All heavy atoms as atom14 arrays in JSON, in Angstrom:
{
  "sequence": "KAVKVVQTAGRDMLGEIAPEFARLNDDVLFGEVWSRNDKLSLRDR",
  "atom14_mask": [
    [1, 1, 1, 1, 1, 1, 1, 1, 1, 0, 0, 0, 0, 0],
    [1, 1, 1, 1, 1, 0, 0, 0, 0, 0, 0, 0, 0, 0],
    [1, 1, 1, 1, 1, 1, 1, 0, 0, 0, 0, 0, 0, 0],
    [1, 1, 1, 1, 1, 1, 1, 1, 1, 0, 0, 0, 0, 0],
    [1, 1, 1, 1, 1, 1, 1, 0, 0, 0, 0, 0, 0, 0],
    [1, 1, 1, 1, 1, 1, 1, 0, 0, 0, 0, 0, 0, 0],
    [1, 1, 1, 1, 1, 1, 1, 1, 1, 0, 0, 0, 0, 0],
    [1, 1, 1, 1, 1, 1, 1, 0, 0, 0, 0, 0, 0, 0],
    [1, 1, 1, 1, 1, 0, 0, 0, 0, 0, 0, 0, 0, 0],
    [1, 1, 1, 1, 0, 0, 0, 0, 0, 0, 0, 0, 0, 0],
    [1, 1, 1, 1, 1, 1, 1, 1, 1, 1, 1, 0, 0, 0],
    [1, 1, 1, 1, 1, 1, 1, 1, 0, 0, 0, 0, 0, 0],
    [1, 1, 1, 1, 1, 1, 1, 1, 0, 0, 0, 0, 0, 0],
    [1, 1, 1, 1, 1, 1, 1, 1, 0, 0, 0, 0, 0, 0],
    [1, 1, 1, 1, 0, 0, 0, 0, 0, 0, 0, 0, 0, 0],
    [1, 1, 1, 1, 1, 1, 1, 1, 1, 0, 0, 0, 0, 0],
    [1, 1, 1, 1, 1, 1, 1, 1, 0, 0, 0, 0, 0, 0],
    [1, 1, 1, 1, 1, 0, 0, 0, 0, 0, 0, 0, 0, 0],
    [1, 1, 1, 1, 1, 1, 1, 0, 0, 0, 0, 0, 0, 0],
    [1, 1, 1, 1, 1, 1, 1, 1, 1, 0, 0, 0, 0, 0],
    [1, 1, 1, 1, 1, 1, 1, 1, 1, 1, 1, 0, 0, 0],
    [1, 1, 1, 1, 1, 0, 0, 0, 0, 0, 0, 0, 0, 0],
    [1, 1, 1, 1, 1, 1, 1, 1, 1, 1, 1, 0, 0, 0],
    [1, 1, 1, 1, 1, 1, 1, 1, 0, 0, 0, 0, 0, 0],
    [1, 1, 1, 1, 1, 1, 1, 1, 0, 0, 0, 0, 0, 0],
    [1, 1, 1, 1, 1, 1, 1, 1, 0, 0, 0, 0, 0, 0],
    [1, 1, 1, 1, 1, 1, 1, 1, 0, 0, 0, 0, 0, 0],
    [1, 1, 1, 1, 1, 1, 1, 0, 0, 0, 0, 0, 0, 0],
    [1, 1, 1, 1, 1, 1, 1, 1, 0, 0, 0, 0, 0, 0],
    [1, 1, 1, 1, 1, 1, 1, 1, 1, 1, 1, 0, 0, 0],
    [1, 1, 1, 1, 0, 0, 0, 0, 0, 0, 0, 0, 0, 0],
    [1, 1, 1, 1, 1, 1, 1, 1, 1, 0, 0, 0, 0, 0],
    [1, 1, 1, 1, 1, 1, 1, 0, 0, 0, 0, 0, 0, 0],
    [1, 1, 1, 1, 1, 1, 1, 1, 1, 1, 1, 1, 1, 1],
    [1, 1, 1, 1, 1, 1, 0, 0, 0, 0, 0, 0, 0, 0],
    [1, 1, 1, 1, 1, 1, 1, 1, 1, 1, 1, 0, 0, 0],
    [1, 1, 1, 1, 1, 1, 1, 1, 0, 0, 0, 0, 0, 0],
    [1, 1, 1, 1, 1, 1, 1, 1, 0, 0, 0, 0, 0, 0],
    [1, 1, 1, 1, 1, 1, 1, 1, 1, 0, 0, 0, 0, 0],
    [1, 1, 1, 1, 1, 1, 1, 1, 0, 0, 0, 0, 0, 0],
    [1, 1, 1, 1, 1, 1, 0, 0, 0, 0, 0, 0, 0, 0],
    [1, 1, 1, 1, 1, 1, 1, 1, 0, 0, 0, 0, 0, 0],
    [1, 1, 1, 1, 1, 1, 1, 1, 1, 1, 1, 0, 0, 0],
    [1, 1, 1, 1, 1, 1, 1, 1, 0, 0, 0, 0, 0, 0],
    [1, 1, 1, 1, 1, 1, 1, 1, 1, 1, 1, 0, 0, 0]
  ],
  "atom14_positions": [
    [[-49.43, 98.56, 41.38], [-49.67, 98.33, 39.97], [-48.32, 98.08, 39.28], [-47.33, 98.73, 39.57], [-50.34, 99.55, 39.37], [-51.72, 99.85, 39.99], [-52.31, 101.09, 39.4], [-53.58, 101.38, 40.1], [-54.18, 102.65, 39.7], [0.0, 0.0, 0.0], [0.0, 0.0, 0.0], [0.0, 0.0, 0.0], [0.0, 0.0, 0.0], [0.0, 0.0, 0.0]],
    [[-48.34, 97.13, 38.42], [-47.08, 96.8, 37.67], [-46.78, 98.01, 36.81], [-47.59, 98.61, 36.19], [-47.29, 95.62, 36.78], [0.0, 0.0, 0.0], [0.0, 0.0, 0.0], [0.0, 0.0, 0.0], [0.0, 0.0, 0.0], [0.0, 0.0, 0.0], [0.0, 0.0, 0.0], [0.0, 0.0, 0.0], [0.0, 0.0, 0.0], [0.0, 0.0, 0.0]],
    [[-45.49, 98.37, 36.85], [-44.94, 99.44, 36.03], [-43.88, 98.85, 35.16], [-42.94, 98.21, 35.62], [-44.34, 100.56, 36.96], [-43.74, 101.69, 36.08], [-45.43, 101.13, 37.87], [0.0, 0.0, 0.0], [0.0, 0.0, 0.0], [0.0, 0.0, 0.0], [0.0, 0.0, 0.0], [0.0, 0.0, 0.0], [0.0, 0.0, 0.0], [0.0, 0.0, 0.0]],
    [[-44.04, 99.04, 33.88], [-43.09, 98.48, 32.88], [-41.75, 99.12, 33.04], [-41.59, 100.31, 33.04], [-43.59, 98.66, 31.48], [-42.68, 98.16, 30.41], [-43.28, 97.06, 29.62], [-42.4, 96.64, 28.5], [-41.95, 95.29, 28.64], [0.0, 0.0, 0.0], [0.0, 0.0, 0.0], [0.0, 0.0, 0.0], [0.0, 0.0, 0.0], [0.0, 0.0, 0.0]],
    [[-40.73, 98.26, 33.2], [-39.37, 98.73, 33.28], [-38.77, 98.65, 31.85], [-38.85, 97.6, 31.24], [-38.55, 97.88, 34.27], [-37.06, 98.29, 34.27], [-39.13, 97.97, 35.7], [0.0, 0.0, 0.0], [0.0, 0.0, 0.0], [0.0, 0.0, 0.0], [0.0, 0.0, 0.0], [0.0, 0.0, 0.0], [0.0, 0.0, 0.0], [0.0, 0.0, 0.0]],
    [[-38.18, 99.71, 31.39], [-37.6, 99.76, 30.07], [-36.08, 99.88, 30.26], [-35.6, 100.82, 30.89], [-38.12, 100.93, 29.26], [-37.44, 100.98, 27.9], [-39.63, 100.8, 29.1], [0.0, 0.0, 0.0], [0.0, 0.0, 0.0], [0.0, 0.0, 0.0], [0.0, 0.0, 0.0], [0.0, 0.0, 0.0], [0.0, 0.0, 0.0], [0.0, 0.0, 0.0]],
    [[-35.38, 98.91, 29.74], [-33.94, 98.86, 29.81], [-33.32, 98.75, 28.44], [-33.81, 97.95, 27.6], [-33.56, 97.62, 30.68], [-32.13, 97.23, 30.64], [-31.21, 98.19, 31.35], [-30.67, 99.09, 30.69], [-31.1, 98.11, 32.67], [0.0, 0.0, 0.0], [0.0, 0.0, 0.0], [0.0, 0.0, 0.0], [0.0, 0.0, 0.0], [0.0, 0.0, 0.0]],
    [[-32.31, 99.55, 28.12], [-31.68, 99.5, 26.8], [-30.17, 99.17, 26.9], [-29.49, 99.1, 25.84], [-31.86, 100.79, 26.05], [-31.19, 101.81, 26.75], [-33.33, 101.07, 25.85], [0.0, 0.0, 0.0], [0.0, 0.0, 0.0], [0.0, 0.0, 0.0], [0.0, 0.0, 0.0], [0.0, 0.0, 0.0], [0.0, 0.0, 0.0], [0.0, 0.0, 0.0]],
    [[-29.66, 98.95, 28.08], [-28.24, 98.76, 28.23], [-27.71, 97.55, 27.48], [-26.57, 97.63, 26.89], [-27.85, 98.68, 29.71], [0.0, 0.0, 0.0], [0.0, 0.0, 0.0], [0.0, 0.0, 0.0], [0.0, 0.0, 0.0], [0.0, 0.0, 0.0], [0.0, 0.0, 0.0], [0.0, 0.0, 0.0], [0.0, 0.0, 0.0], [0.0, 0.0, 0.0]],
    [[-28.44, 96.48, 27.45], [-28.0, 95.32, 26.72], [-27.79, 95.63, 25.23], [-26.75, 95.33, 24.7], [0.0, 0.0, 0.0], [0.0, 0.0, 0.0], [0.0, 0.0, 0.0], [0.0, 0.0, 0.0], [0.0, 0.0, 0.0], [0.0, 0.0, 0.0], [0.0, 0.0, 0.0], [0.0, 0.0, 0.0], [0.0, 0.0, 0.0], [0.0, 0.0, 0.0]],
    [[-28.77, 96.27, 24.61], [-28.61, 96.59, 23.17], [-27.55, 97.67, 22.98], [-26.78, 97.61, 22.02], [-29.98, 97.05, 22.67], [-30.93, 95.89, 22.45], [-32.2, 96.33, 21.79], [-33.06, 95.18, 21.55], [-33.95, 94.72, 22.46], [-34.12, 95.28, 23.59], [-34.7, 93.64, 22.14], [0.0, 0.0, 0.0], [0.0, 0.0, 0.0], [0.0, 0.0, 0.0]],
    [[-27.49, 98.64, 23.91], [-26.5, 99.67, 23.82], [-25.06, 99.12, 23.85], [-24.2, 99.54, 23.09], [-26.61, 100.76, 24.91], [-27.96, 101.5, 24.8], [-28.65, 101.46, 23.74], [-28.29, 102.15, 25.82], [0.0, 0.0, 0.0], [0.0, 0.0, 0.0], [0.0, 0.0, 0.0], [0.0, 0.0, 0.0], [0.0, 0.0, 0.0], [0.0, 0.0, 0.0]],
    [[-24.86, 98.2, 24.76], [-23.48, 97.66, 24.93], [-23.14, 96.44, 24.07], [-22.02, 96.25, 23.65], [-23.26, 97.34, 26.41], [-23.28, 98.49, 27.36], [-23.1, 98.03, 29.09], [-21.58, 97.11, 29.03], [0.0, 0.0, 0.0], [0.0, 0.0, 0.0], [0.0, 0.0, 0.0], [0.0, 0.0, 0.0], [0.0, 0.0, 0.0], [0.0, 0.0, 0.0]],
    [[-24.15, 95.59, 23.86], [-23.86, 94.3, 23.24], [-24.72, 93.97, 22.01], [-24.59, 92.9, 21.45], [-24.11, 93.16, 24.26], [-23.27, 93.29, 25.53], [-23.77, 92.23, 26.56], [-21.82, 93.12, 25.27], [0.0, 0.0, 0.0], [0.0, 0.0, 0.0], [0.0, 0.0, 0.0], [0.0, 0.0, 0.0], [0.0, 0.0, 0.0], [0.0, 0.0, 0.0]],
    [[-25.54, 94.92, 21.59], [-26.45, 94.67, 20.5], [-25.85, 94.16, 19.24], [-26.39, 93.33, 18.55], [0.0, 0.0, 0.0], [0.0, 0.0, 0.0], [0.0, 0.0, 0.0], [0.0, 0.0, 0.0], [0.0, 0.0, 0.0], [0.0, 0.0, 0.0], [0.0, 0.0, 0.0], [0.0, 0.0, 0.0], [0.0, 0.0, 0.0], [0.0, 0.0, 0.0]],
    [[-24.61, 94.67, 18.89], [-23.96, 94.28, 17.68], [-23.29, 92.92, 17.82], [-23.19, 92.17, 16.82], [-23.01, 95.34, 17.23], [-23.7, 96.61, 16.76], [-22.74, 97.68, 16.22], [-21.66, 97.25, 15.73], [-23.09, 98.83, 16.29], [0.0, 0.0, 0.0], [0.0, 0.0, 0.0], [0.0, 0.0, 0.0], [0.0, 0.0, 0.0], [0.0, 0.0, 0.0]],
    [[-22.73, 92.61, 18.96], [-21.92, 91.36, 19.08], [-22.71, 90.24, 19.71], [-22.35, 89.09, 19.48], [-20.57, 91.61, 19.86], [-20.92, 92.07, 21.28], [-19.7, 92.62, 19.15], [-19.69, 92.08, 22.17], [0.0, 0.0, 0.0], [0.0, 0.0, 0.0], [0.0, 0.0, 0.0], [0.0, 0.0, 0.0], [0.0, 0.0, 0.0], [0.0, 0.0, 0.0]],
    [[-23.72, 90.52, 20.47], [-24.52, 89.5, 21.13], [-25.98, 89.88, 21.18], [-26.51, 90.17, 22.25], [-23.97, 89.21, 22.55], [0.0, 0.0, 0.0], [0.0, 0.0, 0.0], [0.0, 0.0, 0.0], [0.0, 0.0, 0.0], [0.0, 0.0, 0.0], [0.0, 0.0, 0.0], [0.0, 0.0, 0.0], [0.0, 0.0, 0.0], [0.0, 0.0, 0.0]],
    [[-26.61, 90.02, 20.01], [-27.95, 90.54, 19.98], [-28.98, 89.71, 20.79], [-29.91, 90.27, 21.38], [-28.33, 90.55, 18.48], [-27.36, 89.6, 17.83], [-26.14, 89.63, 18.72], [0.0, 0.0, 0.0], [0.0, 0.0, 0.0], [0.0, 0.0, 0.0], [0.0, 0.0, 0.0], [0.0, 0.0, 0.0], [0.0, 0.0, 0.0], [0.0, 0.0, 0.0]],
    [[-28.84, 88.39, 20.84], [-29.77, 87.57, 21.62], [-29.61, 87.83, 23.11], [-30.61, 87.9, 23.84], [-29.64, 86.08, 21.26], [-30.64, 85.23, 21.95], [-32.1, 85.51, 21.64], [-32.42, 86.3, 20.68], [-32.99, 84.98, 22.33], [0.0, 0.0, 0.0], [0.0, 0.0, 0.0], [0.0, 0.0, 0.0], [0.0, 0.0, 0.0], [0.0, 0.0, 0.0]],
    [[-28.39, 87.89, 23.57], [-28.13, 88.22, 25.0], [-28.74, 89.57, 25.32], [-29.36, 89.77, 26.37], [-26.67, 88.15, 25.35], [-26.33, 88.44, 26.8], [-26.34, 87.37, 27.69], [-26.11, 89.7, 27.23], [-26.12, 87.58, 29.05], [-25.88, 89.94, 28.6], [-25.87, 88.9, 29.49], [0.0, 0.0, 0.0], [0.0, 0.0, 0.0], [0.0, 0.0, 0.0]],
    [[-28.49, 90.54, 24.46], [-28.99, 91.91, 24.66], [-30.51, 91.89, 24.75], [-31.15, 92.52, 25.59], [-28.56, 92.8, 23.5], [0.0, 0.0, 0.0], [0.0, 0.0, 0.0], [0.0, 0.0, 0.0], [0.0, 0.0, 0.0], [0.0, 0.0, 0.0], [0.0, 0.0, 0.0], [0.0, 0.0, 0.0], [0.0, 0.0, 0.0], [0.0, 0.0, 0.0]],
    [[-31.19, 91.1, 23.88], [-32.64, 91.01, 23.87], [-33.15, 90.35, 25.18], [-34.07, 90.88, 25.81], [-33.15, 90.17, 22.7], [-34.68, 90.1, 22.65], [-35.16, 89.05, 21.64], [-34.88, 87.67, 22.09], [-35.65, 87.02, 22.97], [-36.7, 87.61, 23.53], [-35.36, 85.79, 23.35], [0.0, 0.0, 0.0], [0.0, 0.0, 0.0], [0.0, 0.0, 0.0]],
    [[-32.49, 89.3, 25.6], [-32.85, 88.65, 26.86], [-32.7, 89.59, 28.07], [-33.57, 89.63, 28.94], [-32.05, 87.36, 27.06], [-32.36, 86.27, 26.06], [-31.32, 85.13, 26.2], [-33.73, 85.69, 26.29], [0.0, 0.0, 0.0], [0.0, 0.0, 0.0], [0.0, 0.0, 0.0], [0.0, 0.0, 0.0], [0.0, 0.0, 0.0], [0.0, 0.0, 0.0]],
    [[-31.6, 90.35, 28.07], [-31.39, 91.27, 29.15], [-32.44, 92.38, 29.19], [-33.08, 92.61, 30.19], [-29.98, 91.91, 29.0], [-29.7, 92.9, 30.16], [-29.31, 92.48, 31.21], [-29.84, 94.13, 29.86], [0.0, 0.0, 0.0], [0.0, 0.0, 0.0], [0.0, 0.0, 0.0], [0.0, 0.0, 0.0], [0.0, 0.0, 0.0], [0.0, 0.0, 0.0]],
    [[-32.65, 92.99, 28.04], [-33.54, 94.14, 28.01], [-35.03, 93.78, 28.02], [-35.8, 94.41, 28.7], [-33.24, 94.99, 26.76], [-31.86, 95.63, 26.75], [-31.14, 95.6, 27.81], [-31.45, 96.15, 25.69], [0.0, 0.0, 0.0], [0.0, 0.0, 0.0], [0.0, 0.0, 0.0], [0.0, 0.0, 0.0], [0.0, 0.0, 0.0], [0.0, 0.0, 0.0]],
    [[-35.4, 92.77, 27.23], [-36.77, 92.45, 27.09], [-37.32, 91.45, 28.11], [-38.46, 91.57, 28.58], [-37.07, 91.92, 25.68], [-36.73, 92.89, 24.59], [-36.58, 94.09, 24.9], [-36.62, 92.47, 23.4], [0.0, 0.0, 0.0], [0.0, 0.0, 0.0], [0.0, 0.0, 0.0], [0.0, 0.0, 0.0], [0.0, 0.0, 0.0], [0.0, 0.0, 0.0]],
    [[-36.52, 90.43, 28.42], [-36.99, 89.39, 29.32], [-36.66, 89.78, 30.78], [-37.57, 89.9, 31.6], [-36.43, 87.99, 28.94], [-36.85, 86.95, 29.99], [-36.86, 87.6, 27.56], [0.0, 0.0, 0.0], [0.0, 0.0, 0.0], [0.0, 0.0, 0.0], [0.0, 0.0, 0.0], [0.0, 0.0, 0.0], [0.0, 0.0, 0.0], [0.0, 0.0, 0.0]],
    [[-35.37, 89.95, 31.09], [-34.99, 90.27, 32.48], [-35.7, 91.55, 32.96], [-36.34, 91.51, 34.03], [-33.49, 90.41, 32.62], [-33.0, 90.83, 34.0], [-33.44, 89.74, 35.07], [-31.53, 90.98, 34.01], [0.0, 0.0, 0.0], [0.0, 0.0, 0.0], [0.0, 0.0, 0.0], [0.0, 0.0, 0.0], [0.0, 0.0, 0.0], [0.0, 0.0, 0.0]],
    [[-35.61, 92.59, 32.2], [-36.25, 93.84, 32.64], [-37.69, 93.94, 32.15], [-38.6, 94.21, 32.96], [-35.42, 95.07, 32.19], [-34.24, 95.22, 33.07], [-33.02, 94.66, 32.71], [-34.33, 95.89, 34.26], [-31.93, 94.75, 33.51], [-33.23, 95.99, 35.08], [-32.0, 95.43, 34.73], [0.0, 0.0, 0.0], [0.0, 0.0, 0.0], [0.0, 0.0, 0.0]],
    [[-37.93, 93.76, 30.91], [-39.28, 93.9, 30.33], [-40.3, 93.0, 30.95], [-41.49, 93.35, 31.03], [0.0, 0.0, 0.0], [0.0, 0.0, 0.0], [0.0, 0.0, 0.0], [0.0, 0.0, 0.0], [0.0, 0.0, 0.0], [0.0, 0.0, 0.0], [0.0, 0.0, 0.0], [0.0, 0.0, 0.0], [0.0, 0.0, 0.0], [0.0, 0.0, 0.0]],
    [[-39.91, 91.82, 31.39], [-40.84, 90.87, 31.94], [-40.61, 90.65, 33.46], [-41.54, 90.87, 34.23], [-40.74, 89.51, 31.2], [-41.21, 89.58, 29.76], [-41.04, 88.29, 29.08], [-41.08, 87.22, 29.72], [-40.94, 88.34, 27.77], [0.0, 0.0, 0.0], [0.0, 0.0, 0.0], [0.0, 0.0, 0.0], [0.0, 0.0, 0.0], [0.0, 0.0, 0.0]],
    [[-39.41, 90.23, 33.83], [-39.17, 89.9, 35.25], [-39.23, 91.13, 36.15], [-39.98, 91.18, 37.11], [-37.82, 89.17, 35.37], [-37.55, 88.87, 36.86], [-37.83, 87.88, 34.58], [0.0, 0.0, 0.0], [0.0, 0.0, 0.0], [0.0, 0.0, 0.0], [0.0, 0.0, 0.0], [0.0, 0.0, 0.0], [0.0, 0.0, 0.0], [0.0, 0.0, 0.0]],
    [[-38.39, 92.15, 35.84], [-38.41, 93.33, 36.7], [-39.72, 94.1, 36.62], [-40.08, 94.85, 37.58], [-37.22, 94.24, 36.36], [-35.95, 93.69, 36.91], [-35.03, 92.94, 36.22], [-35.4, 93.91, 38.21], [-33.99, 92.64, 37.03], [-34.15, 93.2, 38.24], [-35.82, 94.56, 39.35], [-33.4, 93.21, 39.39], [-35.04, 94.54, 40.47], [-33.82, 93.87, 40.49]],
    [[-40.45, 93.93, 35.57], [-41.71, 94.65, 35.44], [-42.84, 93.96, 36.22], [-43.97, 94.48, 36.28], [-42.14, 94.72, 33.95], [-41.27, 95.61, 33.29], [0.0, 0.0, 0.0], [0.0, 0.0, 0.0], [0.0, 0.0, 0.0], [0.0, 0.0, 0.0], [0.0, 0.0, 0.0], [0.0, 0.0, 0.0], [0.0, 0.0, 0.0], [0.0, 0.0, 0.0]],
    [[-42.57, 92.87, 36.89], [-43.54, 92.21, 37.77], [-43.49, 92.87, 39.16], [-43.59, 92.25, 40.17], [-43.29, 90.76, 37.88], [-43.53, 89.99, 36.6], [-43.12, 88.51, 36.61], [-43.39, 87.86, 37.87], [-44.52, 87.13, 38.11], [-45.4, 87.0, 37.14], [-44.71, 86.55, 39.27], [0.0, 0.0, 0.0], [0.0, 0.0, 0.0], [0.0, 0.0, 0.0]],
    [[-43.3, 94.19, 39.16], [-43.13, 94.88, 40.41], [-44.43, 95.08, 41.19], [-44.38, 95.6, 42.28], [-42.44, 96.27, 40.19], [-42.95, 97.0, 38.99], [-44.15, 97.29, 38.95], [-42.12, 97.27, 38.02], [0.0, 0.0, 0.0], [0.0, 0.0, 0.0], [0.0, 0.0, 0.0], [0.0, 0.0, 0.0], [0.0, 0.0, 0.0], [0.0, 0.0, 0.0]],
    [[-45.52, 94.59, 40.67], [-46.74, 94.54, 41.43], [-46.69, 93.32, 42.41], [-47.45, 93.26, 43.35], [-47.99, 94.5, 40.57], [-47.99, 93.33, 39.63], [-46.92, 92.88, 39.2], [-49.07, 92.83, 39.31], [0.0, 0.0, 0.0], [0.0, 0.0, 0.0], [0.0, 0.0, 0.0], [0.0, 0.0, 0.0], [0.0, 0.0, 0.0], [0.0, 0.0, 0.0]],
    [[-45.83, 92.39, 42.1], [-45.64, 91.17, 42.91], [-44.52, 91.4, 43.96], [-44.65, 90.91, 45.08], [-45.27, 89.97, 42.07], [-46.22, 89.75, 40.85], [-47.56, 89.28, 41.29], [-48.39, 88.93, 40.07], [-49.72, 89.43, 40.11], [0.0, 0.0, 0.0], [0.0, 0.0, 0.0], [0.0, 0.0, 0.0], [0.0, 0.0, 0.0], [0.0, 0.0, 0.0]],
    [[-43.46, 92.01, 43.54], [-42.29, 92.25, 44.41], [-41.76, 93.59, 43.96], [-41.41, 93.76, 42.79], [-41.27, 91.17, 44.27], [-40.05, 91.25, 45.17], [-40.42, 91.07, 46.63], [-39.0, 90.18, 44.79], [0.0, 0.0, 0.0], [0.0, 0.0, 0.0], [0.0, 0.0, 0.0], [0.0, 0.0, 0.0], [0.0, 0.0, 0.0], [0.0, 0.0, 0.0]],
    [[-41.7, 94.57, 44.85], [-41.31, 95.9, 44.48], [-39.9, 95.91, 43.86], [-39.06, 95.05, 44.13], [-41.38, 96.82, 45.63], [-40.34, 96.57, 46.59], [0.0, 0.0, 0.0], [0.0, 0.0, 0.0], [0.0, 0.0, 0.0], [0.0, 0.0, 0.0], [0.0, 0.0, 0.0], [0.0, 0.0, 0.0], [0.0, 0.0, 0.0], [0.0, 0.0, 0.0]],
    [[-39.6, 96.97, 43.13], [-38.29, 97.13, 42.56], [-37.26, 97.33, 43.65], [-36.1, 96.85, 43.57], [-38.27, 98.32, 41.59], [-39.09, 98.17, 40.34], [-39.09, 99.43, 39.51], [-38.59, 97.0, 39.5], [0.0, 0.0, 0.0], [0.0, 0.0, 0.0], [0.0, 0.0, 0.0], [0.0, 0.0, 0.0], [0.0, 0.0, 0.0], [0.0, 0.0, 0.0]],
    [[-37.62, 98.02, 44.71], [-36.73, 98.24, 45.87], [-36.37, 96.87, 46.44], [-35.2, 96.59, 46.73], [-37.41, 99.1, 46.9], [-36.54, 99.3, 48.17], [-37.33, 100.22, 49.18], [-36.49, 100.59, 50.27], [-36.4, 99.98, 51.42], [-37.1, 98.86, 51.61], [-35.64, 100.43, 52.34], [0.0, 0.0, 0.0], [0.0, 0.0, 0.0], [0.0, 0.0, 0.0]],
    [[-37.36, 96.01, 46.63], [-37.12, 94.68, 47.21], [-36.23, 93.82, 46.23], [-35.33, 93.13, 46.65], [-38.37, 93.95, 47.53], [-39.14, 94.62, 48.68], [-38.56, 95.46, 49.39], [-40.33, 94.29, 48.84], [0.0, 0.0, 0.0], [0.0, 0.0, 0.0], [0.0, 0.0, 0.0], [0.0, 0.0, 0.0], [0.0, 0.0, 0.0], [0.0, 0.0, 0.0]],
    [[-36.55, 93.92, 44.95], [-35.74, 93.19, 43.96], [-34.32, 93.67, 43.99], [-33.37, 92.9, 43.86], [-36.35, 93.36, 42.56], [-37.62, 92.59, 42.38], [-38.23, 92.79, 41.0], [-39.57, 92.28, 40.93], [-39.92, 91.02, 40.64], [-38.97, 90.17, 40.38], [-41.13, 90.65, 40.61], [0.0, 0.0, 0.0], [0.0, 0.0, 0.0], [0.0, 0.0, 0.0]]
  ]
}
């Protein structure tokens, strides 16, 4: 079953200077791509 991965490092580290990069890191890379762990496990990723 897909388990949502929640990542905040992008916003924590870059949120003030690069908010769009932080959003892409936290919401897209982790929130969408890494959360597809029903397709490919987190261990395999």
